[in-house]
Amino acid sequence: MLASSRDVYLVIGGSGFLGRHIVDALLARNDAVSVFDIVQRHHDVPFYSGDISEEGQVSDALRKSGATCIIHTASPPHGMDDPALYWKVNVDGTKAVIAAAVATGVSKLVYTSSAGVVFNGESLINVDERLPPPPKAMDAYNESKAKAEEMVLEANGKGGLYTVALRPAGLFGPGDRQLIAGLYEVYQNGQTHYQIGDNTNLFDWTYIENAAYAHLLAADRLRPLSPEEVAELKEQLQYALPYISCTTGARKMPTSECRPLGPYVTPPPNADRFTAHWND
C-alpha cells in the first residue's frame, strides 16, 4: 500500500518554488498536507509560521498538523553573500527538524539537497549517488547543504525515523523567480554577447514538476522492509549468475574509456593464477 493512502504531510518551505509544486501535487491526489514557512502562499491548506531552527516551533507544527511525513525543502536561494544565514537555515534548521521529527513520532523525512554538494568545479558525467562530496565545497551554500544532507542520512533508521535526500539541479518551470528572471536580466543588460570559456561546460536542468513528483515517489517508498520482503530478497540472491571467466588475446583500449569501468569490474575467480605470472 502506498504512503499516499495513509500519510499526513508537512511541507517545510512549502511556500517556496519547489515547495509550492509539492503541495499542489499532494493536493492533486487528495493527500492531507500542511505548510510550515515564514510566508503564506497557499490559502487552502493549514499554515504554520515559524523559525525552522527552533525545534519547539517545528514540533508544535508537527503535533498540530498530525504529520507522519515531513518533506523539507526550505533553504535560502543559492548565490547569497550570507554564510551565517545558510548555516542557520540549512544546518541548524535541519538539525531541529530531525530532532522534532523523532520527538513527535514522525516516521518519514524527505530532504531536498542539491546536486551542487558533489560539484568539484569540473563536469560530472554519468555520476550517481555514490559520488562523495569534494573535500572542500564550492561555496557556503553547498557546504551547508552537504552538512544538512549528511545529518539527514545519518538519522535514517534512528528513533523510528526513516530518511532520504534528493539532489535536484537547475530547477526551472512555472513560478520560477530566480533562473528565468536572472536570464532575462542578463538579456536586458546586453550581457549575452560575453562568453567565458569554450562553451562546452555541462549542466543539469530539472523541470520543477518532475522534481516535485520525485519527492512524492521518495515519500511513498520510504519505509523499512517487511519480514516478507527481506525473505524474498534473500531468496532472490540465491540465484545469482555464476562467474564467467574468459581469456582473450591482448586488446588496446583508451585509458579514458577504461577508467569509468573500474568500479564495476571485479577480478575473475582464477585471477591469482593469471597474476602469478606477472611476478615470475
Foldseek 3Di string as FASTA:
>chain_A
DFCQVPFAEEEECLVDDLNVLLVVVSVVSPGHYEYEEQDDDDPVHHYQYDQLLDLVSLLVVCVVRVGQEYEYEDADDPDDPCLPRRQSCLPSSLVSNLVSCLVNVRQEYEYEAAPQQQDDPAADPPDDPVRHGDPDGPDSNSVSSNNSQVVQCVCAPPSNYHYDYDHAFAEDDPPDDPPVVVVVVCVVVVVPVDDDPDPPGDGDHDYSNVVSVVSSVCNRPTDDDDPVRVVVVVVVVVPDDDFDDDDDDDDDDDPVVVVVCVVVDDDGPCVCVVCVVVVD
